[in-house]
């Protein structure tokens, strides 16, 4: 009889321990970072804010975003709503490596900190450079087009010049020919004139 009582007591104790472990587990689990934007070790274009999502509702949050020289870029205080914490930045981040440091307090009252969330902002092409590229790329085409358009005119001008020079040569040749002919006729008349008078 006593042995049975001991066994029953052991079973009840085991059940109580198991139930205690089940209910105590959530209480012992502290708030943790679940995800972020930008993500950990991610490469991203310039961003204007950082978002952190935790496993529990957040009652207090502090966030700092620093570069390799420990210059901070956060603007104002971090905002939290439910499990999400949002930290605005002082403008779009320039290219470089950044670290997000945070300190939050979850529903369990424990303060959780972290400084291992790192990401990289990639360099982007400046608008001025991208705007000038098409213009510079189209310039040779425009020049080629102009040359193509100008070529017939140039050829026409060259042809006109050639034609004009040819006509000048022809006219001069005719004048010279006429002059030579007149000279021959004049000499012939002089030659025959005295001969006729002598007879």
C-alpha atoms as a PDB file:
ATOM      1  CA  UNK A   1       0.000   0.000   0.000  1.00  0.00           C
ATOM      2  CA  UNK A   2       2.792   2.362   0.897  1.00  0.00           C
ATOM      3  CA  UNK A   3       4.635   1.460  -2.293  1.00  0.00           C
ATOM      4  CA  UNK A   4       1.567   2.339  -4.378  1.00  0.00           C
ATOM      5  CA  UNK A   5       1.265   5.712  -2.641  1.00  0.00           C
ATOM      6  CA  UNK A   6       4.911   6.443  -3.394  1.00  0.00           C
ATOM      7  CA  UNK A   7       4.390   5.543  -7.026  1.00  0.00           C
ATOM      8  CA  UNK A   8       1.341   7.806  -7.269  1.00  0.00           C
ATOM      9  CA  UNK A   9       3.280  10.625  -5.648  1.00  0.00           C
ATOM     10  CA  UNK A  10       6.095  10.129  -8.174  1.00  0.00           C
ATOM     11  CA  UNK A  11       3.684  10.250 -11.120  1.00  0.00           C
ATOM     12  CA  UNK A  12       2.006  13.422  -9.796  1.00  0.00           C
ATOM     13  CA  UNK A  13       5.417  15.055  -9.237  1.00  0.00           C
ATOM     14  CA  UNK A  14       6.535  14.161 -12.745  1.00  0.00           C
ATOM     15  CA  UNK A  15       3.357  15.676 -14.197  1.00  0.00           C
ATOM     16  CA  UNK A  16       3.814  18.868 -12.186  1.00  0.00           C
ATOM     17  CA  UNK A  17       7.423  19.166 -13.322  1.00  0.00           C
ATOM     18  CA  UNK A  18       6.408  18.637 -16.951  1.00  0.00           C
ATOM     19  CA  UNK A  19       3.613  21.220 -16.734  1.00  0.00           C
ATOM     20  CA  UNK A  20       5.957  23.678 -15.040  1.00  0.00           C
ATOM     21  CA  UNK A  21       8.508  23.251 -17.824  1.00  0.00           C
ATOM     22  CA  UNK A  22       5.844  23.851 -20.488  1.00  0.00           C
ATOM     23  CA  UNK A  23       4.533  27.055 -18.892  1.00  0.00           C
ATOM     24  CA  UNK A  24       7.948  28.309 -17.810  1.00  0.00           C
ATOM     25  CA  UNK A  25       9.529  27.981 -21.264  1.00  0.00           C
ATOM     26  CA  UNK A  26       7.819  31.087 -22.785  1.00  0.00           C
ATOM     27  CA  UNK A  27       8.621  33.111 -19.694  1.00  0.00           C
ATOM     28  CA  UNK A  28      12.310  32.163 -19.877  1.00  0.00           C
ATOM     29  CA  UNK A  29      12.557  32.861 -23.642  1.00  0.00           C
ATOM     30  CA  UNK A  30      13.788  36.436 -24.035  1.00  0.00           C
ATOM     31  CA  UNK A  31      12.877  38.796 -26.872  1.00  0.00           C
ATOM     32  CA  UNK A  32      15.051  38.258 -29.944  1.00  0.00           C
ATOM     33  CA  UNK A  33      15.537  39.883 -33.353  1.00  0.00           C
ATOM     34  CA  UNK A  34      13.617  37.937 -36.018  1.00  0.00           C
ATOM     35  CA  UNK A  35      14.303  39.947 -39.201  1.00  0.00           C
ATOM     36  CA  UNK A  36      15.469  43.318 -40.458  1.00  0.00           C
ATOM     37  CA  UNK A  37      15.445  45.613 -43.480  1.00  0.00           C
ATOM     38  CA  UNK A  38      18.168  45.918 -44.718  1.00  0.00           C
ATOM     39  CA  UNK A  39      18.930  42.300 -43.895  1.00  0.00           C
ATOM     40  CA  UNK A  40      22.010  41.112 -42.051  1.00  0.00           C
ATOM     41  CA  UNK A  41      25.127  41.166 -44.295  1.00  0.00           C
ATOM     42  CA  UNK A  42      22.976  42.388 -47.212  1.00  0.00           C
ATOM     43  CA  UNK A  43      24.064  44.748 -49.997  1.00  0.00           C
ATOM     44  CA  UNK A  44      21.443  47.398 -50.682  1.00  0.00           C
ATOM     45  CA  UNK A  45      20.959  50.665 -52.581  1.00  0.00           C
ATOM     46  CA  UNK A  46      20.760  53.842 -50.445  1.00  0.00           C
ATOM     47  CA  UNK A  47      17.996  53.579 -47.818  1.00  0.00           C
ATOM     48  CA  UNK A  48      16.203  56.192 -45.720  1.00  0.00           C
ATOM     49  CA  UNK A  49      15.240  54.016 -42.736  1.00  0.00           C
ATOM     50  CA  UNK A  50      16.031  50.797 -40.887  1.00  0.00           C
ATOM     51  CA  UNK A  51      13.337  48.355 -39.750  1.00  0.00           C
ATOM     52  CA  UNK A  52      13.748  45.695 -37.060  1.00  0.00           C
ATOM     53  CA  UNK A  53      11.222  42.953 -36.264  1.00  0.00           C
ATOM     54  CA  UNK A  54      11.377  41.136 -32.892  1.00  0.00           C
ATOM     55  CA  UNK A  55       9.771  38.009 -31.506  1.00  0.00           C
ATOM     56  CA  UNK A  56       7.713  39.928 -28.886  1.00  0.00           C
ATOM     57  CA  UNK A  57       6.008  43.277 -28.578  1.00  0.00           C
ATOM     58  CA  UNK A  58       8.444  46.066 -27.833  1.00  0.00           C
ATOM     59  CA  UNK A  59       7.873  48.582 -25.061  1.00  0.00           C
ATOM     60  CA  UNK A  60      11.100  50.576 -25.471  1.00  0.00           C
ATOM     61  CA  UNK A  61      13.687  50.848 -28.264  1.00  0.00           C
ATOM     62  CA  UNK A  62      16.905  52.685 -29.044  1.00  0.00           C
ATOM     63  CA  UNK A  63      18.629  52.302 -32.435  1.00  0.00           C
ATOM     64  CA  UNK A  64      21.889  53.711 -33.814  1.00  0.00           C
ATOM     65  CA  UNK A  65      23.212  53.349 -37.364  1.00  0.00           C
ATOM     66  CA  UNK A  66      26.958  53.972 -37.663  1.00  0.00           C
ATOM     67  CA  UNK A  67      29.571  53.705 -40.391  1.00  0.00           C
ATOM     68  CA  UNK A  68      33.132  52.373 -40.177  1.00  0.00           C
ATOM     69  CA  UNK A  69      34.324  55.664 -38.631  1.00  0.00           C
ATOM     70  CA  UNK A  70      31.570  55.448 -35.990  1.00  0.00           C
ATOM     71  CA  UNK A  71      29.659  58.391 -37.449  1.00  0.00           C
ATOM     72  CA  UNK A  72      25.962  57.986 -36.699  1.00  0.00           C
ATOM     73  CA  UNK A  73      23.192  58.558 -39.256  1.00  0.00           C
ATOM     74  CA  UNK A  74      19.944  58.043 -37.299  1.00  0.00           C
ATOM     75  CA  UNK A  75      17.410  60.879 -37.185  1.00  0.00           C
ATOM     76  CA  UNK A  76      15.200  61.309 -34.137  1.00  0.00           C
ATOM     77  CA  UNK A  77      14.063  58.523 -31.832  1.00  0.00           C
ATOM     78  CA  UNK A  78      13.177  55.003 -32.875  1.00  0.00           C
ATOM     79  CA  UNK A  79       9.465  54.304 -33.274  1.00  0.00           C
ATOM     80  CA  UNK A  80       7.951  50.975 -32.202  1.00  0.00           C
ATOM     81  CA  UNK A  81       4.600  49.413 -32.952  1.00  0.00           C
ATOM     82  CA  UNK A  82       3.919  45.865 -31.821  1.00  0.00           C
ATOM     83  CA  UNK A  83       6.962  43.793 -32.708  1.00  0.00           C
ATOM     84  CA  UNK A  84       8.341  46.287 -35.274  1.00  0.00           C
ATOM     85  CA  UNK A  85      10.892  49.027 -34.589  1.00  0.00           C
ATOM     86  CA  UNK A  86      11.565  51.712 -37.221  1.00  0.00           C
ATOM     87  CA  UNK A  87      14.497  54.103 -37.162  1.00  0.00           C
ATOM     88  CA  UNK A  88      14.519  57.035 -39.620  1.00  0.00           C
ATOM     89  CA  UNK A  89      17.876  58.087 -41.104  1.00  0.00           C
ATOM     90  CA  UNK A  90      19.342  61.503 -41.777  1.00  0.00           C
ATOM     91  CA  UNK A  91      18.900  61.239 -45.570  1.00  0.00           C
ATOM     92  CA  UNK A  92      19.883  58.413 -47.902  1.00  0.00           C
ATOM     93  CA  UNK A  93      23.032  56.663 -46.741  1.00  0.00           C
ATOM     94  CA  UNK A  94      26.144  57.123 -48.894  1.00  0.00           C
ATOM     95  CA  UNK A  95      27.991  54.072 -50.165  1.00  0.00           C
ATOM     96  CA  UNK A  96      29.843  52.192 -47.425  1.00  0.00           C
ATOM     97  CA  UNK A  97      29.630  49.646 -44.599  1.00  0.00           C
ATOM     98  CA  UNK A  98      27.179  50.170 -41.728  1.00  0.00           C
ATOM     99  CA  UNK A  99      26.320  48.609 -38.377  1.00  0.00           C
ATOM    100  CA  UNK A 100      22.947  48.754 -36.619  1.00  0.00           C
ATOM    101  CA  UNK A 101      23.166  48.875 -32.817  1.00  0.00           C
ATOM    102  CA  UNK A 102      19.960  48.429 -30.854  1.00  0.00           C
ATOM    103  CA  UNK A 103      18.666  48.147 -27.315  1.00  0.00           C
ATOM    104  CA  UNK A 104      15.045  47.067 -26.771  1.00  0.00           C
ATOM    105  CA  UNK A 105      12.842  46.033 -23.886  1.00  0.00           C
ATOM    106  CA  UNK A 106      10.215  43.380 -24.567  1.00  0.00           C
ATOM    107  CA  UNK A 107       7.065  42.433 -22.682  1.00  0.00           C
ATOM    108  CA  UNK A 108       9.076  40.311 -20.267  1.00  0.00           C
ATOM    109  CA  UNK A 109      10.910  43.432 -19.077  1.00  0.00           C
ATOM    110  CA  UNK A 110      14.371  42.222 -20.118  1.00  0.00           C
ATOM    111  CA  UNK A 111      16.681  44.644 -21.939  1.00  0.00           C
ATOM    112  CA  UNK A 112      18.120  43.078 -25.097  1.00  0.00           C
ATOM    113  CA  UNK A 113      21.032  44.633 -27.005  1.00  0.00           C
ATOM    114  CA  UNK A 114      22.734  43.816 -30.279  1.00  0.00           C
ATOM    115  CA  UNK A 115      25.514  45.220 -32.478  1.00  0.00           C
ATOM    116  CA  UNK A 116      26.111  42.460 -35.027  1.00  0.00           C
ATOM    117  CA  UNK A 117      23.600  43.614 -37.652  1.00  0.00           C
ATOM    118  CA  UNK A 118      25.771  44.849 -40.537  1.00  0.00           C
ATOM    119  CA  UNK A 119      24.950  45.768 -44.141  1.00  0.00           C
ATOM    120  CA  UNK A 120      26.558  47.446 -47.161  1.00  0.00           C
ATOM    121  CA  UNK A 121      25.208  50.349 -49.208  1.00  0.00           C
ATOM    122  CA  UNK A 122      26.315  49.986 -52.830  1.00  0.00           C
ATOM    123  CA  UNK A 123      27.521  52.916 -54.900  1.00  0.00           C
ATOM    124  CA  UNK A 124      25.066  54.182 -57.516  1.00  0.00           C
ATOM    125  CA  UNK A 125      25.693  56.121 -60.736  1.00  0.00           C
ATOM    126  CA  UNK A 126      25.053  59.825 -60.335  1.00  0.00           C
ATOM    127  CA  UNK A 127      22.084  61.293 -62.263  1.00  0.00           C
ATOM    128  CA  UNK A 128      24.363  63.832 -63.965  1.00  0.00           C
ATOM    129  CA  UNK A 129      26.615  61.097 -65.316  1.00  0.00           C
ATOM    130  CA  UNK A 130      23.692  58.969 -66.461  1.00  0.00           C
ATOM    131  CA  UNK A 131      22.034  62.000 -68.075  1.00  0.00           C
ATOM    132  CA  UNK A 132      25.212  62.968 -69.934  1.00  0.00           C
ATOM    133  CA  UNK A 133      25.872  59.444 -71.181  1.00  0.00           C
ATOM    134  CA  UNK A 134      23.037  59.341 -73.762  1.00  0.00           C
ATOM    135  CA  UNK A 135      24.004  62.776 -75.034  1.00  0.00           C
ATOM    136  CA  UNK A 136      27.639  61.793 -75.478  1.00  0.00           C
ATOM    137  CA  UNK A 137      26.591  58.487 -77.007  1.00  0.00           C
ATOM    138  CA  UNK A 138      24.267  60.177 -79.492  1.00  0.00           C
ATOM    139  CA  UNK A 139      26.788  62.868 -80.455  1.00  0.00           C
ATOM    140  CA  UNK A 140      28.801  60.657 -82.876  1.00  0.00           C
ATOM    141  CA  UNK A 141      25.556  59.499 -84.550  1.00  0.00           C
ATOM    142  CA  UNK A 142      24.419  63.109 -84.995  1.00  0.00           C
ATOM    143  CA  UNK A 143      27.829  64.053 -86.393  1.00  0.00           C
ATOM    144  CA  UNK A 144      27.748  61.120 -88.779  1.00  0.00           C
ATOM    145  CA  UNK A 145      24.252  62.106 -89.882  1.00  0.00           C
ATOM    146  CA  UNK A 146      25.367  65.677 -90.457  1.00  0.00           C
ATOM    147  CA  UNK A 147      28.303  64.447 -92.500  1.00  0.00           C
ATOM    148  CA  UNK A 148      26.024  62.211 -94.535  1.00  0.00           C
ATOM    149  CA  UNK A 149      23.600  65.077 -95.086  1.00  0.00           C
ATOM    150  CA  UNK A 150      26.394  67.475 -95.924  1.00  0.00           C
ATOM    151  CA  UNK A 151      28.109  65.131 -98.380  1.00  0.00           C
ATOM    152  CA  UNK A 152      25.662  65.598-101.311  1.00  0.00           C
ATOM    153  CA  UNK A 153      25.834  69.363-100.856  1.00  0.00           C
ATOM    154  CA  UNK A 154      29.616  69.235-100.779  1.00  0.00           C
ATOM    155  CA  UNK A 155      29.648  67.036-103.839  1.00  0.00           C
ATOM    156  CA  UNK A 156      27.206  69.387-105.577  1.00  0.00           C
ATOM    157  CA  UNK A 157      29.353  72.382-104.653  1.00  0.00           C
ATOM    158  CA  UNK A 158      32.470  70.595-105.886  1.00  0.00           C
ATOM    159  CA  UNK A 159      30.680  69.595-109.071  1.00  0.00           C
ATOM    160  CA  UNK A 160      29.516  73.185-109.610  1.00  0.00           C
ATOM    161  CA  UNK A 161      33.037  74.490-109.082  1.00  0.00           C
ATOM    162  CA  UNK A 162      34.394  71.917-111.522  1.00  0.00           C
ATOM    163  CA  UNK A 163      31.709  72.786-114.061  1.00  0.00           C
ATOM    164  CA  UNK A 164      32.439  76.531-113.689  1.00  0.00           C
ATOM    165  CA  UNK A 165      36.168  76.005-114.153  1.00  0.00           C
ATOM    166  CA  UNK A 166      35.516  73.895-117.268  1.00  0.00           C
ATOM    167  CA  UNK A 167      33.355  76.626-118.819  1.00  0.00           C
ATOM    168  CA  UNK A 168      36.011  79.249-118.091  1.00  0.00           C
ATOM    169  CA  UNK A 169      38.635  77.099-119.829  1.00  0.00           C
ATOM    170  CA  UNK A 170      36.309  76.560-122.795  1.00  0.00           C
ATOM    171  CA  UNK A 171      35.531  80.276-123.146  1.00  0.00           C
ATOM    172  CA  UNK A 172      39.187  81.243-122.808  1.00  0.00           C
ATOM    173  CA  UNK A 173      40.096  78.595-125.413  1.00  0.00           C
ATOM    174  CA  UNK A 174      37.461  79.913-127.787  1.00  0.00           C
ATOM    175  CA  UNK A 175      38.692  83.474-127.330  1.00  0.00           C
ATOM    176  CA  UNK A 176      42.257  82.396-127.933  1.00  0.00           C
ATOM    177  CA  UNK A 177      41.178  80.440-131.018  1.00  0.00           C
ATOM    178  CA  UNK A 178      39.201  83.390-132.345  1.00  0.00           C
ATOM    179  CA  UNK A 179      42.184  85.677-131.679  1.00  0.00           C
ATOM    180  CA  UNK A 180      44.547  83.338-133.499  1.00  0.00           C
ATOM    181  CA  UNK A 181      42.123  83.077-136.423  1.00  0.00           C
ATOM    182  CA  UNK A 182      41.756  86.836-136.650  1.00  0.00           C
ATOM    183  CA  UNK A 183      45.534  87.248-136.507  1.00  0.00           C
ATOM    184  CA  UNK A 184      46.006  84.781-139.346  1.00  0.00           C
ATOM    185  CA  UNK A 185      43.378  86.530-141.481  1.00  0.00           C
ATOM    186  CA  UNK A 186      44.881  89.936-140.740  1.00  0.00           C
ATOM    187  CA  UNK A 187      48.394  88.759-141.693  1.00  0.00           C
ATOM    188  CA  UNK A 188      47.089  87.169-144.843  1.00  0.00           C
ATOM    189  CA  UNK A 189      45.400  90.412-145.864  1.00  0.00           C
ATOM    190  CA  UNK A 190      48.593  92.389-145.264  1.00  0.00           C
ATOM    191  CA  UNK A 191      50.608  89.937-147.274  1.00  0.00           C
ATOM    192  CA  UNK A 192      48.252  89.924-150.226  1.00  0.00           C
ATOM    193  CA  UNK A 193      47.640  93.679-150.064  1.00  0.00           C
ATOM    194  CA  UNK A 194      51.129  94.885-151.225  1.00  0.00           C
ATOM    195  CA  UNK A 195      51.326  92.114-153.798  1.00  0.00           C
ATOM    196  CA  UNK A 196      48.107  93.250-155.423  1.00  0.00           C
ATOM    197  CA  UNK A 197      49.262  96.877-155.384  1.00  0.00           C
ATOM    198  CA  UNK A 198      52.599  96.006-157.121  1.00  0.00           C
ATOM    199  CA  UNK A 199      50.829  94.441-160.111  1.00  0.00           C
END
